Amino acid sequence: MEWYLAVLKKYAVFSGRARRKEYWMFFLFNFIVAIGLAIIDGLFGGSGVLGTLYALGVFIPNVAVSVRRLHDTNRSGWWLLLYFIPIIGALVVLFFMVQDSNEDGNDFGENPKLAVV
């Protein structure tokens, strides 16, 4: 939960770097919430309004953490535009997201794994 809240605190911060753990924990929590909202919406015969509102609310933090994750692999956030290429683009971005951080600092900042917490 702390990783999820950390991303929300950096609501629209597109600079810097994000560790794999930060990105994937945010992804996991979003997935769990989306499933929960779909169940609640299904129980009450809704039309997906709850899920849509949630998706709109976390859209910018999701893009921001994705950009920071790409920065961690020394790539520009513009690589997210690959999502517009059906199937292949999403697979390439997934490959980038699962890669480990650059060991040292890069153009986007120091390695967040080495940061003092």
N, C-alpha and C. Protein backbone atom coordinates (compact mmCIF):
# COMPACT_ATOMS: atom_id res chain seq x y z
N MET A 1 0.83 -1.19 0.00
CA MET A 1 0.00 0.00 0.00
C MET A 1 0.87 1.25 0.00
N GLU A 2 2.03 1.18 0.67
CA GLU A 2 2.89 2.37 0.73
C GLU A 2 3.44 2.73 -0.65
N TRP A 3 3.68 1.72 -1.50
CA TRP A 3 4.17 2.00 -2.85
C TRP A 3 3.08 2.67 -3.67
N TYR A 4 1.85 2.25 -3.48
CA TYR A 4 0.72 2.84 -4.18
C TYR A 4 0.57 4.31 -3.79
N LEU A 5 0.61 4.57 -2.50
CA LEU A 5 0.47 5.94 -2.01
C LEU A 5 1.65 6.82 -2.44
N ALA A 6 2.84 6.22 -2.51
CA ALA A 6 4.02 6.99 -2.94
C ALA A 6 3.84 7.46 -4.37
N VAL A 7 3.27 6.62 -5.22
CA VAL A 7 3.03 7.02 -6.61
C VAL A 7 1.97 8.11 -6.66
N LEU A 8 0.93 7.99 -5.86
CA LEU A 8 -0.11 9.02 -5.86
C LEU A 8 0.40 10.35 -5.33
N LYS A 9 1.37 10.31 -4.41
CA LYS A 9 1.95 11.56 -3.91
C LYS A 9 2.75 12.27 -5.00
N LYS A 10 3.30 11.48 -5.92
CA LYS A 10 4.02 12.04 -7.07
C LYS A 10 3.07 12.09 -8.26
N TYR A 11 1.87 12.59 -8.05
CA TYR A 11 0.75 12.51 -8.99
C TYR A 11 1.14 12.78 -10.44
N ALA A 12 1.81 13.87 -10.70
CA ALA A 12 2.16 14.23 -12.08
C ALA A 12 3.65 14.51 -12.20
N VAL A 13 4.48 13.76 -11.50
CA VAL A 13 5.93 13.93 -11.58
C VAL A 13 6.46 12.99 -12.65
N PHE A 14 6.88 13.57 -13.76
CA PHE A 14 7.36 12.79 -14.88
C PHE A 14 8.89 12.75 -14.95
N SER A 15 9.55 13.38 -14.00
CA SER A 15 11.01 13.39 -13.99
C SER A 15 11.50 12.43 -12.92
N GLY A 16 12.73 12.00 -13.07
CA GLY A 16 13.30 11.09 -12.10
C GLY A 16 13.15 9.64 -12.55
N ARG A 17 13.35 8.75 -11.59
CA ARG A 17 13.35 7.33 -11.89
C ARG A 17 12.46 6.58 -10.90
N ALA A 18 11.90 5.46 -11.34
CA ALA A 18 11.08 4.61 -10.48
C ALA A 18 11.58 3.18 -10.57
N ARG A 19 11.77 2.56 -9.42
CA ARG A 19 12.23 1.18 -9.36
C ARG A 19 11.15 0.24 -9.90
N ARG A 20 11.57 -0.97 -10.23
CA ARG A 20 10.61 -1.99 -10.67
C ARG A 20 9.56 -2.23 -9.60
N LYS A 21 10.00 -2.29 -8.35
CA LYS A 21 9.08 -2.57 -7.26
C LYS A 21 7.99 -1.51 -7.17
N GLU A 22 8.37 -0.25 -7.29
CA GLU A 22 7.39 0.85 -7.24
C GLU A 22 6.37 0.69 -8.36
N TYR A 23 6.84 0.45 -9.55
CA TYR A 23 5.95 0.32 -10.71
C TYR A 23 5.01 -0.88 -10.57
N TRP A 24 5.57 -2.05 -10.27
CA TRP A 24 4.77 -3.26 -10.26
C TRP A 24 3.83 -3.33 -9.06
N MET A 25 4.21 -2.76 -7.93
CA MET A 25 3.29 -2.73 -6.79
C MET A 25 2.12 -1.80 -7.09
N PHE A 26 2.36 -0.69 -7.76
CA PHE A 26 1.28 0.21 -8.18
C PHE A 26 0.37 -0.52 -9.16
N PHE A 27 0.97 -1.24 -10.10
CA PHE A 27 0.21 -2.01 -11.08
C PHE A 27 -0.67 -3.06 -10.39
N LEU A 28 -0.09 -3.79 -9.44
CA LEU A 28 -0.82 -4.83 -8.71
C LEU A 28 -2.00 -4.24 -7.94
N PHE A 29 -1.76 -3.14 -7.22
CA PHE A 29 -2.83 -2.54 -6.44
C PHE A 29 -3.94 -2.03 -7.36
N ASN A 30 -3.58 -1.43 -8.49
CA ASN A 30 -4.59 -0.98 -9.45
C ASN A 30 -5.41 -2.15 -9.96
N PHE A 31 -4.76 -3.27 -10.23
CA PHE A 31 -5.45 -4.46 -10.72
C PHE A 31 -6.44 -4.97 -9.69
N ILE A 32 -6.01 -5.03 -8.44
CA ILE A 32 -6.88 -5.51 -7.36
C ILE A 32 -8.08 -4.59 -7.18
N VAL A 33 -7.84 -3.29 -7.20
CA VAL A 33 -8.94 -2.33 -7.06
C VAL A 33 -9.90 -2.45 -8.23
N ALA A 34 -9.38 -2.59 -9.45
CA ALA A 34 -10.23 -2.71 -10.63
C ALA A 34 -11.11 -3.95 -10.56
N ILE A 35 -10.55 -5.07 -10.10
CA ILE A 35 -11.34 -6.30 -9.95
C ILE A 35 -12.43 -6.09 -8.89
N GLY A 36 -12.04 -5.47 -7.77
CA GLY A 36 -13.01 -5.20 -6.71
C GLY A 36 -14.15 -4.30 -7.18
N LEU A 37 -13.82 -3.26 -7.91
CA LEU A 37 -14.85 -2.35 -8.42
C LEU A 37 -15.74 -3.04 -9.45
N ALA A 38 -15.16 -3.92 -10.26
CA ALA A 38 -15.96 -4.67 -11.24
C ALA A 38 -16.94 -5.60 -10.53
N ILE A 39 -16.50 -6.23 -9.45
CA ILE A 39 -17.39 -7.11 -8.69
C ILE A 39 -18.52 -6.30 -8.06
N ILE A 40 -18.16 -5.18 -7.43
CA ILE A 40 -19.18 -4.33 -6.80
C ILE A 40 -20.16 -3.82 -7.85
N ASP A 41 -19.63 -3.38 -8.98
CA ASP A 41 -20.48 -2.87 -10.05
C ASP A 41 -21.40 -3.98 -10.58
N GLY A 42 -20.87 -5.20 -10.70
CA GLY A 42 -21.68 -6.32 -11.18
C GLY A 42 -22.78 -6.70 -10.21
N LEU A 43 -22.48 -6.63 -8.92
CA LEU A 43 -23.48 -6.97 -7.92
C LEU A 43 -24.67 -6.01 -7.93
N PHE A 44 -24.40 -4.77 -8.22
CA PHE A 44 -25.46 -3.77 -8.22
C PHE A 44 -25.99 -3.46 -9.62
N GLY A 45 -25.58 -4.25 -10.60
CA GLY A 45 -26.10 -4.07 -11.95
C GLY A 45 -25.66 -2.78 -12.62
N GLY A 46 -24.50 -2.28 -12.24
CA GLY A 46 -24.01 -1.04 -12.81
C GLY A 46 -23.48 -1.23 -14.22
N SER A 47 -23.11 -0.13 -14.81
CA SER A 47 -22.62 -0.17 -16.19
C SER A 47 -21.12 0.10 -16.27
N GLY A 48 -20.40 -0.11 -15.18
CA GLY A 48 -18.96 0.10 -15.20
C GLY A 48 -18.53 1.51 -14.85
N VAL A 49 -19.42 2.26 -14.25
CA VAL A 49 -19.12 3.66 -13.91
C VAL A 49 -18.02 3.75 -12.86
N LEU A 50 -18.07 2.88 -11.85
CA LEU A 50 -17.06 2.92 -10.78
C LEU A 50 -15.65 2.68 -11.35
N GLY A 51 -15.53 1.66 -12.18
CA GLY A 51 -14.23 1.35 -12.78
C GLY A 51 -13.74 2.46 -13.68
N THR A 52 -14.65 3.05 -14.42
CA THR A 52 -14.29 4.15 -15.32
C THR A 52 -13.80 5.36 -14.54
N LEU A 53 -14.50 5.69 -13.48
CA LEU A 53 -14.08 6.84 -12.66
C LEU A 53 -12.73 6.58 -12.01
N TYR A 54 -12.53 5.36 -11.53
CA TYR A 54 -11.23 5.02 -10.93
C TYR A 54 -10.12 5.09 -11.98
N ALA A 55 -10.37 4.53 -13.15
CA ALA A 55 -9.37 4.55 -14.23
C ALA A 55 -9.00 5.98 -14.62
N LEU A 56 -9.98 6.85 -14.68
CA LEU A 56 -9.70 8.26 -14.98
C LEU A 56 -8.90 8.92 -13.87
N GLY A 57 -9.19 8.55 -12.63
CA GLY A 57 -8.49 9.14 -11.49
C GLY A 57 -7.03 8.75 -11.40
N VAL A 58 -6.69 7.54 -11.83
CA VAL A 58 -5.30 7.09 -11.72
C VAL A 58 -4.58 7.11 -13.07
N PHE A 59 -5.20 7.68 -14.09
CA PHE A 59 -4.56 7.70 -15.42
C PHE A 59 -3.24 8.47 -15.40
N ILE A 60 -3.26 9.68 -14.88
CA ILE A 60 -2.03 10.50 -14.88
C ILE A 60 -0.95 9.88 -13.99
N PRO A 61 -1.26 9.43 -12.75
CA PRO A 61 -0.21 8.77 -11.97
C PRO A 61 0.34 7.53 -12.66
N ASN A 62 -0.52 6.79 -13.37
CA ASN A 62 -0.07 5.60 -14.08
C ASN A 62 0.91 5.96 -15.19
N VAL A 63 0.60 6.98 -15.95
CA VAL A 63 1.51 7.41 -17.01
C VAL A 63 2.80 7.95 -16.40
N ALA A 64 2.69 8.70 -15.32
CA ALA A 64 3.88 9.28 -14.68
C ALA A 64 4.82 8.19 -14.16
N VAL A 65 4.29 7.19 -13.48
CA VAL A 65 5.15 6.13 -12.95
C VAL A 65 5.72 5.30 -14.10
N SER A 66 4.98 5.16 -15.18
CA SER A 66 5.50 4.43 -16.35
C SER A 66 6.66 5.18 -16.98
N VAL A 67 6.53 6.49 -17.08
CA VAL A 67 7.62 7.31 -17.63
C VAL A 67 8.85 7.21 -16.73
N ARG A 68 8.64 7.33 -15.42
CA ARG A 68 9.77 7.22 -14.50
C ARG A 68 10.42 5.84 -14.56
N ARG A 69 9.60 4.81 -14.77
CA ARG A 69 10.15 3.45 -14.91
C ARG A 69 11.01 3.34 -16.17
N LEU A 70 10.55 3.93 -17.26
CA LEU A 70 11.36 3.93 -18.48
C LEU A 70 12.64 4.72 -18.26
N HIS A 71 12.56 5.81 -17.53
CA HIS A 71 13.76 6.58 -17.21
C HIS A 71 14.76 5.72 -16.44
N ASP A 72 14.26 4.83 -15.60
CA ASP A 72 15.14 3.98 -14.82
C ASP A 72 15.93 3.02 -15.71
N THR A 73 15.39 2.70 -16.87
CA THR A 73 16.10 1.85 -17.82
C THR A 73 16.82 2.68 -18.88
N ASN A 74 16.95 3.97 -18.61
CA ASN A 74 17.65 4.93 -19.49
C ASN A 74 16.96 5.08 -20.84
N ARG A 75 15.62 5.12 -20.80
CA ARG A 75 14.83 5.36 -22.01
C ARG A 75 13.93 6.56 -21.77
N SER A 76 13.59 7.22 -22.84
CA SER A 76 12.69 8.36 -22.77
C SER A 76 11.26 7.87 -22.54
N GLY A 77 10.45 8.72 -21.94
CA GLY A 77 9.05 8.39 -21.73
C GLY A 77 8.27 8.29 -23.02
N TRP A 78 8.82 8.83 -24.10
CA TRP A 78 8.15 8.77 -25.39
C TRP A 78 7.99 7.33 -25.88
N TRP A 79 8.75 6.39 -25.32
CA TRP A 79 8.61 4.99 -25.69
C TRP A 79 7.22 4.45 -25.36
N LEU A 80 6.49 5.13 -24.47
CA LEU A 80 5.13 4.69 -24.16
C LEU A 80 4.21 4.77 -25.37
N LEU A 81 4.57 5.56 -26.34
CA LEU A 81 3.75 5.67 -27.55
C LEU A 81 3.72 4.36 -28.33
N LEU A 82 4.60 3.43 -27.99
CA LEU A 82 4.56 2.11 -28.63
C LEU A 82 3.25 1.39 -28.35
N TYR A 83 2.55 1.78 -27.29
CA TYR A 83 1.25 1.17 -27.00
C TYR A 83 0.27 1.32 -28.17
N PHE A 84 0.48 2.29 -29.02
CA PHE A 84 -0.41 2.50 -30.15
C PHE A 84 -0.17 1.51 -31.28
N ILE A 85 0.88 0.71 -31.18
CA ILE A 85 1.12 -0.37 -32.14
C ILE A 85 0.50 -1.63 -31.53
N PRO A 86 -0.53 -2.16 -32.15
CA PRO A 86 -1.23 -3.31 -31.55
C PRO A 86 -0.30 -4.48 -31.25
N ILE A 87 -0.48 -5.07 -30.13
CA ILE A 87 0.18 -6.26 -29.59
C ILE A 87 1.70 -6.09 -29.47
N ILE A 88 2.39 -5.85 -30.57
CA ILE A 88 3.85 -5.76 -30.56
C ILE A 88 4.31 -4.62 -29.65
N GLY A 89 3.67 -3.47 -29.75
CA GLY A 89 4.05 -2.32 -28.94
C GLY A 89 3.93 -2.59 -27.45
N ALA A 90 2.82 -3.22 -27.06
CA ALA A 90 2.61 -3.54 -25.64
C ALA A 90 3.66 -4.55 -25.15
N LEU A 91 4.02 -5.50 -25.99
CA LEU A 91 5.03 -6.48 -25.60
C LEU A 91 6.40 -5.83 -25.44
N VAL A 92 6.74 -4.90 -26.30
CA VAL A 92 8.02 -4.20 -26.20
C VAL A 92 8.06 -3.37 -24.93
N VAL A 93 6.98 -2.63 -24.63
CA VAL A 93 6.93 -1.83 -23.41
C VAL A 93 7.00 -2.74 -22.18
N LEU A 94 6.32 -3.87 -22.21
CA LEU A 94 6.39 -4.83 -21.11
C LEU A 94 7.83 -5.29 -20.90
N PHE A 95 8.53 -5.57 -21.97
CA PHE A 95 9.93 -5.97 -21.89
C PHE A 95 10.76 -4.88 -21.21
N PHE A 96 10.51 -3.62 -21.57
CA PHE A 96 11.24 -2.50 -20.96
C PHE A 96 10.93 -2.40 -19.47
N MET A 97 9.67 -2.64 -19.10
CA MET A 97 9.25 -2.47 -17.71
C MET A 97 9.83 -3.54 -16.78
N VAL A 98 10.11 -4.73 -17.31
CA VAL A 98 10.64 -5.79 -16.46
C VAL A 98 12.16 -5.77 -16.38
N GLN A 99 12.81 -4.94 -17.18
CA GLN A 99 14.26 -4.87 -17.13
C GLN A 99 14.73 -4.24 -15.83
N ASP A 100 15.94 -4.61 -15.42
CA ASP A 100 16.53 -4.06 -14.21
C ASP A 100 17.02 -2.63 -14.46
N SER A 101 17.22 -1.90 -13.39
CA SER A 101 17.72 -0.53 -13.46
C SER A 101 19.14 -0.49 -14.01
N ASN A 102 19.53 0.66 -14.53
CA ASN A 102 20.94 0.89 -14.82
C ASN A 102 21.65 0.96 -13.48
N GLU A 103 22.79 0.35 -13.39
CA GLU A 103 23.52 0.30 -12.12
C GLU A 103 23.89 1.68 -11.60
N ASP A 104 24.36 2.53 -12.47
CA ASP A 104 24.80 3.86 -12.06
C ASP A 104 23.75 4.89 -12.42
N GLY A 105 24.07 6.13 -12.18
CA GLY A 105 23.19 7.20 -12.59
C GLY A 105 23.12 7.25 -14.11
N ASN A 106 22.05 7.84 -14.61
CA ASN A 106 21.93 8.03 -16.04
C ASN A 106 21.44 9.46 -16.30
N ASP A 107 20.97 9.72 -17.50
CA ASP A 107 20.52 11.07 -17.86
C ASP A 107 19.34 11.54 -17.02
N PHE A 108 18.65 10.61 -16.37
CA PHE A 108 17.43 10.96 -15.64
C PHE A 108 17.60 10.99 -14.13
N GLY A 109 18.81 10.73 -13.64
CA GLY A 109 19.05 10.80 -12.21
C GLY A 109 19.86 9.61 -11.70
N GLU A 110 20.03 9.61 -10.40
CA GLU A 110 20.78 8.53 -9.76
C GLU A 110 19.90 7.29 -9.61
N ASN A 111 20.54 6.15 -9.42
CA ASN A 111 19.82 4.89 -9.25
C ASN A 111 19.00 4.94 -7.96
N PRO A 112 17.68 4.76 -8.04
CA PRO A 112 16.86 4.83 -6.83
C PRO A 112 17.13 3.70 -5.84
N LYS A 113 17.72 2.61 -6.30
CA LYS A 113 18.06 1.52 -5.39
C LYS A 113 19.16 1.94 -4.41
N LEU A 114 19.98 2.89 -4.84
CA LEU A 114 21.10 3.32 -4.00
C LEU A 114 20.73 4.49 -3.11
N ALA A 115 19.51 5.02 -3.27
CA ALA A 115 19.08 6.17 -2.48
C ALA A 115 18.90 5.79 -1.02
N VAL A 116 19.26 6.67 -0.15
CA VAL A 116 19.09 6.44 1.29
C VAL A 116 17.63 6.73 1.62
N VAL A 117 16.98 5.75 2.25
CA VAL A 117 15.55 5.91 2.57
C VAL A 117 15.37 6.45 3.94
